[in-house]
Amino acid sequence: MKMHITSAAAGLLLLAGIGAAAAQDVVIAPEQETVIKEYVHKQPLASVKVPGVELNIGSTLPDTVELHEVPNVNYRYVVVDNRTVIVDPGTRKIVKVIE
């Protein structure tokens, strides 16, 4: 009986962790993504190198990387290794990598 309770508790903790991780995902509305892509296309930036940072959703860019504003959108962008990266300016975390 004790083993079943421990397994059930572990399962609930695992599910709670998955739910918390999913709640942190940022979803950019298709309309916003279109606005961002069009703006980035019209306002090209030189690509920068950021050693030691993988371009994955959730990775944090250092303060040394200059983020650029997109009008009427809550996110910023930068071009890293020739890939456009959308960043949450409050946390500096990557929310989307546009190929």
N, C-alpha and C. Protein backbone atom coordinates (compact mmCIF):
# COMPACT_ATOMS: atom_id res chain seq x y z
N MET A 1 0.83 -1.19 0.00
CA MET A 1 0.00 0.00 0.00
C MET A 1 0.87 1.25 0.00
N LYS A 2 1.92 1.27 0.83
CA LYS A 2 2.79 2.43 0.91
C LYS A 2 3.46 2.69 -0.44
N MET A 3 3.82 1.64 -1.15
CA MET A 3 4.47 1.77 -2.46
C MET A 3 3.53 2.44 -3.46
N HIS A 4 2.25 2.10 -3.43
CA HIS A 4 1.28 2.69 -4.36
C HIS A 4 1.09 4.18 -4.09
N ILE A 5 1.08 4.56 -2.84
CA ILE A 5 0.92 5.97 -2.48
C ILE A 5 2.13 6.77 -2.96
N THR A 6 3.33 6.23 -2.76
CA THR A 6 4.55 6.91 -3.19
C THR A 6 4.57 7.06 -4.70
N SER A 7 4.18 6.02 -5.42
CA SER A 7 4.14 6.07 -6.89
C SER A 7 3.12 7.10 -7.36
N ALA A 8 1.97 7.13 -6.71
CA ALA A 8 0.93 8.08 -7.08
C ALA A 8 1.40 9.51 -6.83
N ALA A 9 2.06 9.74 -5.71
CA ALA A 9 2.57 11.08 -5.40
C ALA A 9 3.62 11.50 -6.41
N ALA A 10 4.50 10.59 -6.76
CA ALA A 10 5.54 10.90 -7.76
C ALA A 10 4.90 11.22 -9.11
N GLY A 11 3.88 10.48 -9.48
CA GLY A 11 3.18 10.73 -10.73
C GLY A 11 2.51 12.10 -10.75
N LEU A 12 1.90 12.47 -9.65
CA LEU A 12 1.26 13.79 -9.56
C LEU A 12 2.28 14.91 -9.66
N LEU A 13 3.43 14.73 -9.00
CA LEU A 13 4.48 15.74 -9.08
C LEU A 13 5.00 15.87 -10.50
N LEU A 14 5.15 14.76 -11.20
CA LEU A 14 5.60 14.78 -12.58
C LEU A 14 4.60 15.53 -13.45
N LEU A 15 3.32 15.24 -13.29
CA LEU A 15 2.29 15.93 -14.07
C LEU A 15 2.25 17.42 -13.75
N ALA A 16 2.43 17.77 -12.50
CA ALA A 16 2.44 19.18 -12.11
C ALA A 16 3.61 19.89 -12.77
N GLY A 17 4.77 19.24 -12.83
CA GLY A 17 5.94 19.83 -13.48
C GLY A 17 5.73 20.04 -14.96
N ILE A 18 5.09 19.09 -15.62
CA ILE A 18 4.80 19.21 -17.05
C ILE A 18 3.83 20.37 -17.27
N GLY A 19 2.84 20.50 -16.43
CA GLY A 19 1.88 21.60 -16.57
C GLY A 19 2.55 22.94 -16.37
N ALA A 20 3.46 23.04 -15.42
CA ALA A 20 4.15 24.31 -15.17
C ALA A 20 5.04 24.66 -16.35
N ALA A 21 5.70 23.67 -16.94
CA ALA A 21 6.55 23.94 -18.10
C ALA A 21 5.71 24.40 -19.29
N ALA A 22 4.57 23.79 -19.49
CA ALA A 22 3.71 24.18 -20.60
C ALA A 22 3.16 25.58 -20.41
N ALA A 23 2.91 25.96 -19.17
CA ALA A 23 2.37 27.29 -18.89
C ALA A 23 3.39 28.37 -19.21
N GLN A 24 4.69 28.05 -19.22
CA GLN A 24 5.73 29.02 -19.50
C GLN A 24 5.95 29.21 -21.00
N ASP A 25 5.41 28.35 -21.84
CA ASP A 25 5.57 28.49 -23.27
C ASP A 25 4.93 29.79 -23.74
N VAL A 26 5.61 30.47 -24.64
CA VAL A 26 5.09 31.70 -25.20
C VAL A 26 4.57 31.39 -26.58
N VAL A 27 3.35 31.80 -26.83
CA VAL A 27 2.76 31.58 -28.14
C VAL A 27 2.60 32.93 -28.81
N ILE A 28 3.25 33.07 -29.96
CA ILE A 28 3.12 34.29 -30.74
C ILE A 28 1.98 34.08 -31.72
N ALA A 29 1.00 34.96 -31.68
CA ALA A 29 -0.15 34.86 -32.58
C ALA A 29 0.34 34.96 -34.02
N PRO A 30 -0.32 34.23 -34.93
CA PRO A 30 0.09 34.26 -36.34
C PRO A 30 0.16 35.68 -36.91
N GLU A 31 -0.77 36.55 -36.48
CA GLU A 31 -0.77 37.93 -36.97
C GLU A 31 0.50 38.66 -36.52
N GLN A 32 0.88 38.43 -35.25
CA GLN A 32 2.09 39.07 -34.72
C GLN A 32 3.32 38.54 -35.44
N GLU A 33 3.34 37.24 -35.68
CA GLU A 33 4.50 36.65 -36.36
C GLU A 33 4.63 37.23 -37.77
N THR A 34 3.51 37.45 -38.46
CA THR A 34 3.54 38.05 -39.79
C THR A 34 4.11 39.47 -39.72
N VAL A 35 3.65 40.25 -38.75
CA VAL A 35 4.14 41.61 -38.57
C VAL A 35 5.65 41.59 -38.31
N ILE A 36 6.09 40.69 -37.45
CA ILE A 36 7.51 40.59 -37.11
C ILE A 36 8.32 40.23 -38.36
N LYS A 37 7.90 39.22 -39.09
CA LYS A 37 8.64 38.78 -40.29
C LYS A 37 8.73 39.90 -41.32
N GLU A 38 7.64 40.62 -41.54
CA GLU A 38 7.64 41.71 -42.52
C GLU A 38 8.57 42.83 -42.07
N TYR A 39 8.52 43.17 -40.79
CA TYR A 39 9.38 44.23 -40.27
C TYR A 39 10.85 43.84 -40.38
N VAL A 40 11.17 42.62 -39.98
CA VAL A 40 12.55 42.14 -40.01
C VAL A 40 13.06 42.14 -41.45
N HIS A 41 12.21 41.77 -42.39
CA HIS A 41 12.60 41.75 -43.80
C HIS A 41 12.93 43.17 -44.29
N LYS A 42 12.17 44.17 -43.83
CA LYS A 42 12.37 45.55 -44.24
C LYS A 42 13.50 46.24 -43.48
N GLN A 43 13.83 45.72 -42.29
CA GLN A 43 14.85 46.33 -41.43
C GLN A 43 15.96 45.30 -41.13
N PRO A 44 16.70 44.87 -42.16
CA PRO A 44 17.71 43.83 -41.91
C PRO A 44 18.82 44.31 -40.98
N LEU A 45 19.29 43.40 -40.17
CA LEU A 45 20.38 43.67 -39.24
C LEU A 45 21.58 42.80 -39.60
N ALA A 46 22.75 43.27 -39.23
CA ALA A 46 23.94 42.45 -39.37
C ALA A 46 23.87 41.32 -38.34
N SER A 47 24.32 40.16 -38.74
CA SER A 47 24.32 39.02 -37.84
C SER A 47 25.43 39.17 -36.79
N VAL A 48 25.12 38.77 -35.57
CA VAL A 48 26.11 38.79 -34.49
C VAL A 48 26.40 37.37 -34.04
N LYS A 49 27.54 37.21 -33.39
CA LYS A 49 27.91 35.92 -32.80
C LYS A 49 27.71 36.01 -31.29
N VAL A 50 27.17 34.95 -30.71
CA VAL A 50 26.99 34.89 -29.26
C VAL A 50 27.58 33.56 -28.79
N PRO A 51 28.89 33.56 -28.51
CA PRO A 51 29.53 32.31 -28.09
C PRO A 51 28.91 31.75 -26.82
N GLY A 52 28.73 30.44 -26.81
CA GLY A 52 28.25 29.76 -25.61
C GLY A 52 26.74 29.75 -25.44
N VAL A 53 26.00 30.35 -26.38
CA VAL A 53 24.54 30.36 -26.27
C VAL A 53 23.97 29.58 -27.44
N GLU A 54 23.16 28.57 -27.12
CA GLU A 54 22.47 27.81 -28.15
C GLU A 54 21.19 28.53 -28.52
N LEU A 55 20.87 28.55 -29.79
CA LEU A 55 19.67 29.25 -30.24
C LEU A 55 18.46 28.34 -30.11
N ASN A 56 18.04 28.15 -28.89
CA ASN A 56 16.88 27.34 -28.58
C ASN A 56 15.85 28.19 -27.85
N ILE A 57 14.59 27.83 -28.02
CA ILE A 57 13.55 28.51 -27.26
C ILE A 57 13.83 28.31 -25.77
N GLY A 58 13.81 29.40 -25.03
CA GLY A 58 14.09 29.35 -23.60
C GLY A 58 15.51 29.74 -23.23
N SER A 59 16.43 29.73 -24.21
CA SER A 59 17.80 30.17 -23.93
C SER A 59 17.79 31.67 -23.67
N THR A 60 18.70 32.12 -22.80
CA THR A 60 18.78 33.53 -22.44
C THR A 60 19.95 34.18 -23.14
N LEU A 61 19.69 35.33 -23.76
CA LEU A 61 20.77 36.09 -24.40
C LEU A 61 21.39 37.02 -23.37
N PRO A 62 22.72 37.17 -23.42
CA PRO A 62 23.38 38.06 -22.46
C PRO A 62 23.04 39.53 -22.71
N ASP A 63 23.27 40.36 -21.70
CA ASP A 63 22.99 41.79 -21.79
C ASP A 63 23.81 42.49 -22.87
N THR A 64 24.90 41.87 -23.29
CA THR A 64 25.77 42.47 -24.30
C THR A 64 25.15 42.44 -25.70
N VAL A 65 24.10 41.65 -25.88
CA VAL A 65 23.44 41.55 -27.19
C VAL A 65 22.37 42.63 -27.26
N GLU A 66 22.47 43.49 -28.27
CA GLU A 66 21.50 44.56 -28.44
C GLU A 66 20.23 44.02 -29.08
N LEU A 67 19.11 44.23 -28.42
CA LEU A 67 17.81 43.81 -28.93
C LEU A 67 17.16 44.98 -29.66
N HIS A 68 16.47 44.69 -30.76
CA HIS A 68 15.86 45.74 -31.57
C HIS A 68 14.35 45.64 -31.52
N GLU A 69 13.71 46.79 -31.45
CA GLU A 69 12.27 46.88 -31.29
C GLU A 69 11.54 46.62 -32.61
N VAL A 70 10.38 45.99 -32.48
CA VAL A 70 9.43 45.86 -33.58
C VAL A 70 8.22 46.69 -33.16
N PRO A 71 7.85 47.71 -33.94
CA PRO A 71 6.72 48.55 -33.54
C PRO A 71 5.43 47.75 -33.31
N ASN A 72 4.73 48.11 -32.24
CA ASN A 72 3.43 47.53 -31.89
C ASN A 72 3.49 46.04 -31.53
N VAL A 73 4.66 45.55 -31.16
CA VAL A 73 4.81 44.15 -30.75
C VAL A 73 5.59 44.16 -29.44
N ASN A 74 5.25 43.26 -28.54
CA ASN A 74 5.89 43.23 -27.22
C ASN A 74 7.24 42.53 -27.20
N TYR A 75 7.71 42.08 -28.34
CA TYR A 75 8.96 41.35 -28.39
C TYR A 75 10.02 42.17 -29.11
N ARG A 76 11.28 41.75 -28.96
CA ARG A 76 12.40 42.37 -29.65
C ARG A 76 13.03 41.30 -30.55
N TYR A 77 13.91 41.74 -31.43
CA TYR A 77 14.58 40.77 -32.27
C TYR A 77 16.05 41.10 -32.44
N VAL A 78 16.80 40.10 -32.85
CA VAL A 78 18.22 40.23 -33.15
C VAL A 78 18.54 39.10 -34.13
N VAL A 79 19.56 39.29 -34.94
CA VAL A 79 20.01 38.25 -35.86
C VAL A 79 21.28 37.65 -35.29
N VAL A 80 21.21 36.36 -34.98
CA VAL A 80 22.35 35.64 -34.42
C VAL A 80 22.67 34.47 -35.36
N ASP A 81 23.94 34.40 -35.78
CA ASP A 81 24.36 33.33 -36.70
C ASP A 81 23.43 33.23 -37.90
N ASN A 82 23.05 34.39 -38.45
CA ASN A 82 22.19 34.49 -39.63
C ASN A 82 20.78 33.93 -39.42
N ARG A 83 20.35 33.85 -38.17
CA ARG A 83 18.99 33.41 -37.86
C ARG A 83 18.31 34.51 -37.03
N THR A 84 17.09 34.87 -37.41
CA THR A 84 16.36 35.89 -36.68
C THR A 84 15.78 35.28 -35.42
N VAL A 85 16.06 35.92 -34.30
CA VAL A 85 15.65 35.41 -33.00
C VAL A 85 14.71 36.43 -32.36
N ILE A 86 13.53 35.96 -31.94
CA ILE A 86 12.55 36.80 -31.26
C ILE A 86 12.75 36.60 -29.76
N VAL A 87 12.82 37.70 -29.03
CA VAL A 87 13.22 37.65 -27.62
C VAL A 87 12.21 38.41 -26.75
N ASP A 88 11.92 37.86 -25.58
CA ASP A 88 11.12 38.56 -24.58
C ASP A 88 12.07 39.56 -23.91
N PRO A 89 11.81 40.88 -24.07
CA PRO A 89 12.76 41.86 -23.53
C PRO A 89 12.87 41.87 -22.01
N GLY A 90 11.85 41.41 -21.32
CA GLY A 90 11.89 41.39 -19.85
C GLY A 90 12.82 40.33 -19.31
N THR A 91 12.83 39.19 -19.94
CA THR A 91 13.64 38.07 -19.46
C THR A 91 14.86 37.81 -20.34
N ARG A 92 14.86 38.39 -21.55
CA ARG A 92 15.90 38.16 -22.56
C ARG A 92 15.93 36.71 -23.04
N LYS A 93 14.84 35.99 -22.81
CA LYS A 93 14.75 34.60 -23.27
C LYS A 93 14.24 34.55 -24.70
N ILE A 94 14.78 33.61 -25.46
CA ILE A 94 14.35 33.40 -26.83
C ILE A 94 12.98 32.76 -26.82
N VAL A 95 12.03 33.36 -27.55
CA VAL A 95 10.68 32.80 -27.63
C VAL A 95 10.40 32.18 -28.99
N LYS A 96 11.22 32.55 -30.00
CA LYS A 96 11.00 31.99 -31.34
C LYS A 96 12.26 32.21 -32.16
N VAL A 97 12.59 31.22 -32.97
CA VAL A 97 13.69 31.35 -33.92
C VAL A 97 13.06 31.24 -35.30
N ILE A 98 13.21 32.29 -36.10
CA ILE A 98 12.65 32.32 -37.43
C ILE A 98 13.72 31.92 -38.42
N GLU A 99 13.44 30.91 -39.18
CA GLU A 99 14.42 30.42 -40.17
C GLU A 99 14.37 31.23 -41.43
